[in-house]
PDB file of N, CA and C in Angstrom:
ATOM      1  N   MET A   1     121.741 105.517  94.568  1.00  0.00           N
ATOM      2  CA  MET A   1     120.393 105.589  95.092  1.00  0.00           C
ATOM      3  C   MET A   1     119.624 106.682  94.341  1.00  0.00           C
ATOM      4  N   ASN A   2     118.489 106.336  93.788  1.00  0.00           N
ATOM      5  CA  ASN A   2     117.676 107.283  93.027  1.00  0.00           C
ATOM      6  C   ASN A   2     116.717 108.027  93.947  1.00  0.00           C
ATOM      7  N   PRO A   3     116.424 109.292  93.648  1.00  0.00           N
ATOM      8  CA  PRO A   3     115.441 110.011  94.457  1.00  0.00           C
ATOM      9  C   PRO A   3     114.043 109.421  94.259  1.00  0.00           C
ATOM     10  N   VAL A   4     113.250 109.456  95.306  1.00  0.00           N
ATOM     11  CA  VAL A   4     111.880 108.943  95.257  1.00  0.00           C
ATOM     12  C   VAL A   4     110.971 110.040  94.722  1.00  0.00           C
ATOM     13  N   PRO A   5     110.204 109.776  93.652  1.00  0.00           N
ATOM     14  CA  PRO A   5     109.302 110.811  93.137  1.00  0.00           C
ATOM     15  C   PRO A   5     108.161 111.085  94.122  1.00  0.00           C
ATOM     16  N   ILE A   6     107.884 112.361  94.324  1.00  0.00           N
ATOM     17  CA  ILE A   6     106.792 112.794  95.201  1.00  0.00           C
ATOM     18  C   ILE A   6     105.817 113.593  94.356  1.00  0.00           C
ATOM     19  N   PHE A   7     104.556 113.160  94.343  1.00  0.00           N
ATOM     20  CA  PHE A   7     103.526 113.782  93.522  1.00  0.00           C
ATOM     21  C   PHE A   7     102.555 114.576  94.389  1.00  0.00           C
ATOM     22  N   ASN A   8     101.987 115.629  93.814  1.00  0.00           N
ATOM     23  CA  ASN A   8     101.031 116.487  94.502  1.00  0.00           C
ATOM     24  C   ASN A   8      99.615 116.127  94.065  1.00  0.00           C
ATOM     25  N   ALA A   9      98.813 115.638  95.013  1.00  0.00           N
ATOM     26  CA  ALA A   9      97.412 115.330  94.730  1.00  0.00           C
ATOM     27  C   ALA A   9      96.482 116.129  95.637  1.00  0.00           C
ATOM     28  N   VAL A  10      97.001 117.188  96.248  1.00  0.00           N
ATOM     29  CA  VAL A  10      96.184 118.013  97.132  1.00  0.00           C
ATOM     30  C   VAL A  10      95.075 118.660  96.309  1.00  0.00           C
ATOM     31  N   GLY A  11      93.829 118.401  96.673  1.00  0.00           N
ATOM     32  CA  GLY A  11      92.684 118.974  95.967  1.00  0.00           C
ATOM     33  C   GLY A  11      92.376 118.318  94.633  1.00  0.00           C
ATOM     34  N   LYS A  12      93.022 117.200  94.311  1.00  0.00           N
ATOM     35  CA  LYS A  12      92.801 116.521  93.037  1.00  0.00           C
ATOM     36  C   LYS A  12      92.185 115.150  93.282  1.00  0.00           C
ATOM     37  N   THR A  13      91.538 114.635  92.272  1.00  0.00           N
ATOM     38  CA  THR A  13      91.029 113.268  92.322  1.00  0.00           C
ATOM     39  C   THR A  13      91.731 112.453  91.248  1.00  0.00           C
ATOM     40  N   PHE A  14      91.960 111.194  91.554  1.00  0.00           N
ATOM     41  CA  PHE A  14      92.563 110.287  90.588  1.00  0.00           C
ATOM     42  C   PHE A  14      92.169 108.871  90.957  1.00  0.00           C
ATOM     43  N   SER A  15      92.233 108.002  90.000  1.00  0.00           N
ATOM     44  CA  SER A  15      91.833 106.612  90.178  1.00  0.00           C
ATOM     45  C   SER A  15      92.953 105.825  90.849  1.00  0.00           C
ATOM     46  N   LEU A  16      92.588 104.856  91.663  1.00  0.00           N
ATOM     47  CA  LEU A  16      93.575 103.988  92.302  1.00  0.00           C
ATOM     48  C   LEU A  16      93.661 102.642  91.598  1.00  0.00           C
ATOM     49  N   ASP A  17      93.496 102.652  90.285  1.00  0.00           N
ATOM     50  CA  ASP A  17      93.594 101.388  89.548  1.00  0.00           C
ATOM     51  C   ASP A  17      95.052 101.082  89.203  1.00  0.00           C
ATOM     52  N   LYS A  18      95.292  99.885  88.733  1.00  0.00           N
ATOM     53  CA  LYS A  18      96.644  99.413  88.451  1.00  0.00           C
ATOM     54  C   LYS A  18      97.370 100.289  87.436  1.00  0.00           C
ATOM     55  N   ALA A  19      96.703 100.701  86.383  1.00  0.00           N
ATOM     56  CA  ALA A  19      97.337 101.515  85.346  1.00  0.00           C
ATOM     57  C   ALA A  19      97.773 102.869  85.896  1.00  0.00           C
ATOM     58  N   THR A  20      96.910 103.507  86.674  1.00  0.00           N
ATOM     59  CA  THR A  20      97.235 104.823  87.226  1.00  0.00           C
ATOM     60  C   THR A  20      98.384 104.729  88.216  1.00  0.00           C
ATOM     61  N   LEU A  21      98.339 103.739  89.097  1.00  0.00           N
ATOM     62  CA  LEU A  21      99.401 103.606  90.090  1.00  0.00           C
ATOM     63  C   LEU A  21     100.732 103.218  89.449  1.00  0.00           C
ATOM     64  N   GLY A  22     100.687 102.664  88.255  1.00  0.00           N
ATOM     65  CA  GLY A  22     101.914 102.353  87.529  1.00  0.00           C
ATOM     66  C   GLY A  22     102.534 103.569  86.867  1.00  0.00           C
ATOM     67  N   ASP A  23     101.731 104.612  86.634  1.00  0.00           N
ATOM     68  CA  ASP A  23     102.226 105.831  85.991  1.00  0.00           C
ATOM     69  C   ASP A  23     101.425 107.021  86.522  1.00  0.00           C
ATOM     70  N   LEU A  24     101.838 107.541  87.667  1.00  0.00           N
ATOM     71  CA  LEU A  24     101.087 108.615  88.318  1.00  0.00           C
ATOM     72  C   LEU A  24     101.115 109.919  87.532  1.00  0.00           C
ATOM     73  N   ALA A  25     102.135 110.139  86.732  1.00  0.00           N
ATOM     74  CA  ALA A  25     102.169 111.340  85.891  1.00  0.00           C
ATOM     75  C   ALA A  25     101.051 111.282  84.859  1.00  0.00           C
ATOM     76  N   MET A  26     100.705 110.069  84.407  1.00  0.00           N
ATOM     77  CA  MET A  26      99.615 109.889  83.450  1.00  0.00           C
ATOM     78  C   MET A  26      98.286 110.341  84.059  1.00  0.00           C
ATOM     79  N   ALA A  27      98.161 110.227  85.370  1.00  0.00           N
ATOM     80  CA  ALA A  27      96.932 110.636  86.058  1.00  0.00           C
ATOM     81  C   ALA A  27      96.833 112.147  86.210  1.00  0.00           C
ATOM     82  N   GLY A  28      97.828 112.875  85.707  1.00  0.00           N
ATOM     83  CA  GLY A  28      97.802 114.327  85.798  1.00  0.00           C
ATOM     84  C   GLY A  28      98.377 114.867  87.089  1.00  0.00           C
ATOM     85  N   LEU A  29      99.062 114.020  87.859  1.00  0.00           N
ATOM     86  CA  LEU A  29      99.666 114.491  89.101  1.00  0.00           C
ATOM     87  C   LEU A  29     101.024 115.124  88.787  1.00  0.00           C
ATOM     88  N   THR A  30     101.269 116.259  89.387  1.00  0.00           N
ATOM     89  CA  THR A  30     102.508 116.989  89.163  1.00  0.00           C
ATOM     90  C   THR A  30     103.458 116.758  90.338  1.00  0.00           C
ATOM     91  N   PRO A  31     104.729 117.045  90.144  1.00  0.00           N
ATOM     92  CA  PRO A  31     105.677 116.888  91.258  1.00  0.00           C
ATOM     93  C   PRO A  31     105.312 117.813  92.420  1.00  0.00           C
ATOM     94  N   PHE A  32     105.523 117.319  93.628  1.00  0.00           N
ATOM     95  CA  PHE A  32     105.308 118.125  94.831  1.00  0.00           C
ATOM     96  C   PHE A  32     106.538 118.985  95.026  1.00  0.00           C
ATOM     97  N   GLU A  33     106.341 120.288  95.188  1.00  0.00           N
ATOM     98  CA  GLU A  33     107.463 121.221  95.338  1.00  0.00           C
ATOM     99  C   GLU A  33     107.861 121.332  96.806  1.00  0.00           C
ATOM    100  N   GLY A  34     109.145 121.234  97.088  1.00  0.00           N
ATOM    101  CA  GLY A  34     109.656 121.378  98.454  1.00  0.00           C
ATOM    102  C   GLY A  34     109.519 120.111  99.262  1.00  0.00           C
ATOM    103  N   GLU A  35     109.735 120.251 100.575  1.00  0.00           N
ATOM    104  CA  GLU A  35     109.620 119.116 101.476  1.00  0.00           C
ATOM    105  C   GLU A  35     108.168 118.914 101.877  1.00  0.00           C
ATOM    106  N   VAL A  36     107.811 117.671 102.117  1.00  0.00           N
ATOM    107  CA  VAL A  36     106.459 117.345 102.569  1.00  0.00           C
ATOM    108  C   VAL A  36     106.343 117.781 104.030  1.00  0.00           C
ATOM    109  N   PRO A  37     105.362 118.637 104.364  1.00  0.00           N
ATOM    110  CA  PRO A  37     105.234 119.114 105.741  1.00  0.00           C
ATOM    111  C   PRO A  37     104.909 117.983 106.720  1.00  0.00           C
ATOM    112  N   VAL A  38     105.425 118.101 107.914  1.00  0.00           N
ATOM    113  CA  VAL A  38     105.102 117.161 108.983  1.00  0.00           C
ATOM    114  C   VAL A  38     103.600 117.186 109.214  1.00  0.00           C
ATOM    115  N   GLY A  39     102.993 116.042 109.365  1.00  0.00           N
ATOM    116  CA  GLY A  39     101.551 115.948 109.589  1.00  0.00           C
ATOM    117  C   GLY A  39     100.744 115.798 108.320  1.00  0.00           C
ATOM    118  N   SER A  40     101.401 115.724 107.172  1.00  0.00           N
ATOM    119  CA  SER A  40     100.693 115.551 105.901  1.00  0.00           C
ATOM    120  C   SER A  40     100.155 114.128 105.783  1.00  0.00           C
ATOM    121  N   MET A  41      99.102 113.979 104.979  1.00  0.00           N
ATOM    122  CA  MET A  41      98.589 112.646 104.661  1.00  0.00           C
ATOM    123  C   MET A  41      99.156 112.256 103.309  1.00  0.00           C
ATOM    124  N   VAL A  42      99.754 111.070 103.249  1.00  0.00           N
ATOM    125  CA  VAL A  42     100.385 110.617 102.018  1.00  0.00           C
ATOM    126  C   VAL A  42      99.963 109.194 101.687  1.00  0.00           C
ATOM    127  N   LEU A  43     100.067 108.875 100.425  1.00  0.00           N
ATOM    128  CA  LEU A  43      99.885 107.522  99.906  1.00  0.00           C
ATOM    129  C   LEU A  43     101.271 107.063  99.480  1.00  0.00           C
ATOM    130  N   VAL A  44     101.712 105.910  99.963  1.00  0.00           N
ATOM    131  CA  VAL A  44     103.070 105.446  99.712  1.00  0.00           C
ATOM    132  C   VAL A  44     103.019 104.157  98.896  1.00  0.00           C
ATOM    133  N   GLY A  45     103.766 104.142  97.811  1.00  0.00           N
ATOM    134  CA  GLY A  45     103.894 102.939  96.998  1.00  0.00           C
ATOM    135  C   GLY A  45     105.249 102.298  97.258  1.00  0.00           C
ATOM    136  N   TYR A  46     105.225 101.017  97.614  1.00  0.00           N
ATOM    137  CA  TYR A  46     106.481 100.342  97.902  1.00  0.00           C
ATOM    138  C   TYR A  46     106.420  98.893  97.442  1.00  0.00           C
ATOM    139  N   THR A  47     107.568  98.281  97.330  1.00  0.00           N
ATOM    140  CA  THR A  47     107.666  96.849  97.076  1.00  0.00           C
ATOM    141  C   THR A  47     108.456  96.239  98.219  1.00  0.00           C
ATOM    142  N   SER A  48     108.229  94.975  98.459  1.00  0.00           N
ATOM    143  CA  SER A  48     108.979  94.283  99.502  1.00  0.00           C
ATOM    144  C   SER A  48     109.576  93.005  98.934  1.00  0.00           C
ATOM    145  N   ASN A  49     110.650  92.589  99.553  1.00  0.00           N
ATOM    146  CA  ASN A  49     111.356  91.399  99.103  1.00  0.00           C
ATOM    147  C   ASN A  49     111.984  90.744 100.321  1.00  0.00           C
ATOM    148  N   TRP A  50     111.961  89.429 100.378  1.00  0.00           N
ATOM    149  CA  TRP A  50     112.643  88.746 101.464  1.00  0.00           C
ATOM    150  C   TRP A  50     113.522  87.646 100.900  1.00  0.00           C
ATOM    151  N   TRP A  51     114.552  87.329 101.630  1.00  0.00           N
ATOM    152  CA  TRP A  51     115.465  86.263 101.245  1.00  0.00           C
ATOM    153  C   TRP A  51     116.134  85.717 102.501  1.00  0.00           C
ATOM    154  N   ARG A  52     116.675  84.534 102.380  1.00  0.00           N
ATOM    155  CA  ARG A  52     117.384  83.917 103.493  1.00  0.00           C
ATOM    156  C   ARG A  52     118.843  83.730 103.077  1.00  0.00           C
ATOM    157  N   PRO A  53     119.750  84.553 103.633  1.00  0.00           N
ATOM    158  CA  PRO A  53     121.159  84.401 103.295  1.00  0.00           C
ATOM    159  C   PRO A  53     121.678  83.023 103.700  1.00  0.00           C
ATOM    160  N   ILE A  54     122.574  82.496 102.933  1.00  0.00           N
ATOM    161  CA  ILE A  54     123.116  81.157 103.192  1.00  0.00           C
ATOM    162  C   ILE A  54     123.805  81.099 104.550  1.00  0.00           C
ATOM    163  N   GLU A  55     124.535  82.132 104.916  1.00  0.00           N
ATOM    164  CA  GLU A  55     125.313  82.100 106.143  1.00  0.00           C
ATOM    165  C   GLU A  55     124.515  82.463 107.397  1.00  0.00           C
ATOM    166  N   ARG A  56     123.218  82.758 107.259  1.00  0.00           N
ATOM    167  CA  ARG A  56     122.399  83.146 108.419  1.00  0.00           C
ATOM    168  C   ARG A  56     121.104  82.360 108.444  1.00  0.00           C
ATOM    169  N   ALA A  57     120.627  82.110 109.642  1.00  0.00           N
ATOM    170  CA  ALA A  57     119.381  81.364 109.799  1.00  0.00           C
ATOM    171  C   ALA A  57     118.156  82.262 109.628  1.00  0.00           C
ATOM    172  N   ASN A  58     118.289  83.530 109.986  1.00  0.00           N
ATOM    173  CA  ASN A  58     117.147  84.441 109.944  1.00  0.00           C
ATOM    174  C   ASN A  58     116.977  85.055 108.558  1.00  0.00           C
ATOM    175  N   PRO A  59     115.740  85.093 108.069  1.00  0.00           N
ATOM    176  CA  PRO A  59     115.513  85.733 106.770  1.00  0.00           C
ATOM    177  C   PRO A  59     115.680  87.244 106.867  1.00  0.00           C
ATOM    178  N   ARG A  60     115.912  87.864 105.738  1.00  0.00           N
ATOM    179  CA  ARG A  60     116.057  89.314 105.633  1.00  0.00           C
ATOM    180  C   ARG A  60     114.857  89.861 104.857  1.00  0.00           C
ATOM    181  N   LEU A  61     114.427  91.063 105.231  1.00  0.00           N
ATOM    182  CA  LEU A  61     113.300  91.718 104.584  1.00  0.00           C
ATOM    183  C   LEU A  61     113.737  93.113 104.159  1.00  0.00           C
ATOM    184  N   ALA A  62     113.449  93.469 102.919  1.00  0.00           N
ATOM    185  CA  ALA A  62     113.802  94.789 102.407  1.00  0.00           C
ATOM    186  C   ALA A  62     112.562  95.446 101.803  1.00  0.00           C
ATOM    187  N   PHE A  63     112.401  96.732 102.065  1.00  0.00           N
ATOM    188  CA  PHE A  63     111.325  97.521 101.485  1.00  0.00           C
ATOM    189  C   PHE A  63     111.945  98.563 100.566  1.00  0.00           C
ATOM    190  N   SER A  64     111.386  98.715  99.384  1.00  0.00           N
ATOM    191  CA  SER A  64     111.855  99.725  98.432  1.00  0.00           C
ATOM    192  C   SER A  64     110.737 100.728  98.202  1.00  0.00           C
ATOM    193  N   LEU A  65     111.005 101.977  98.517  1.00  0.00           N
ATOM    194  CA  LEU A  65     110.030 103.048  98.335  1.00  0.00           C
ATOM    195  C   LEU A  65     110.018 103.436  96.866  1.00  0.00           C
ATOM    196  N   ASN A  66     108.852 103.337  96.222  1.00  0.00           N
ATOM    197  CA  ASN A  66     108.733 103.616  94.786  1.00  0.00           C
ATOM    198  C   ASN A  66     108.257 105.032  94.497  1.00  0.00           C
ATOM    199  N   TRP A  67     107.282 105.511  95.254  1.00  0.00           N
ATOM    200  CA  TRP A  67     106.743 106.855  95.062  1.00  0.00           C
ATOM    201  C   TRP A  67     105.933 107.267  96.279  1.00  0.00           C
ATOM    202  N   VAL A  68     105.663 108.566  96.378  1.00  0.00           N
ATOM    203  CA  VAL A  68     104.823 109.142  97.434  1.00  0.00           C
ATOM    204  C   VAL A  68     103.848 110.093  96.764  1.00  0.00           C
ATOM    205  N   VAL A  69     102.592 110.034  97.174  1.00  0.00           N
ATOM    206  CA  VAL A  69     101.574 110.977  96.693  1.00  0.00           C
ATOM    207  C   VAL A  69     101.064 111.741  97.911  1.00  0.00           C
ATOM    208  N   VAL A  70     101.222 113.048  97.884  1.00  0.00           N
ATOM    209  CA  VAL A  70     100.738 113.893  98.977  1.00  0.00           C
ATOM    210  C   VAL A  70      99.254 114.147  98.747  1.00  0.00           C
ATOM    211  N   LEU A  71      98.424 113.680  99.685  1.00  0.00           N
ATOM    212  CA  LEU A  71      96.974 113.814  99.567  1.00  0.00           C
ATOM    213  C   LEU A  71      96.456 115.054 100.287  1.00  0.00           C
ATOM    214  N   GLY A  72      97.129 115.440 101.346  1.00  0.00           N
ATOM    215  CA  GLY A  72      96.707 116.616 102.107  1.00  0.00           C
ATOM    216  C   GLY A  72      97.829 117.111 102.998  1.00  0.00           C
ATOM    217  N   VAL A  73      97.841 118.410 103.230  1.00  0.00           N
ATOM    218  CA  VAL A  73      98.837 119.020 104.114  1.00  0.00           C
ATOM    219  C   VAL A  73      98.108 119.721 105.250  1.00  0.00           C
ATOM    220  N   PRO A  74      98.756 119.864 106.405  1.00  0.00           N
ATOM    221  CA  PRO A  74      98.105 120.547 107.531  1.00  0.00           C
ATOM    222  C   PRO A  74      97.802 122.004 107.200  1.00  0.00           C
ATOM    223  N   SER A  75      96.716 122.508 107.747  1.00  0.00           N
ATOM    224  CA  SER A  75      96.397 123.924 107.528  1.00  0.00           C
ATOM    225  C   SER A  75      97.367 124.778 108.327  1.00  0.00           C
ATOM    226  N   VAL A  76      97.636 125.958 107.807  1.00  0.00           N
ATOM    227  CA  VAL A  76      98.625 126.858 108.424  1.00  0.00           C
ATOM    228  C   VAL A  76      98.013 127.588 109.585  1.00  0.00           C
TER     229      VAL A  76
END
């Protein structure tokens, strides 16, 4: 399991276009240091996939977390 990259966008502006969201480091976002504080506002990038196993009637759904961008943290 690979670690999920967390980027710091607190006080920064960046475009939400396809190219930027494909490479957030290109947008000038740096890694977020430490744990994300409870109550922070974040932007989450994920993919989803579903399939129906042969031996089961119910389909399965999986979400893969690709990245997190911290947009704001609670004031101290």
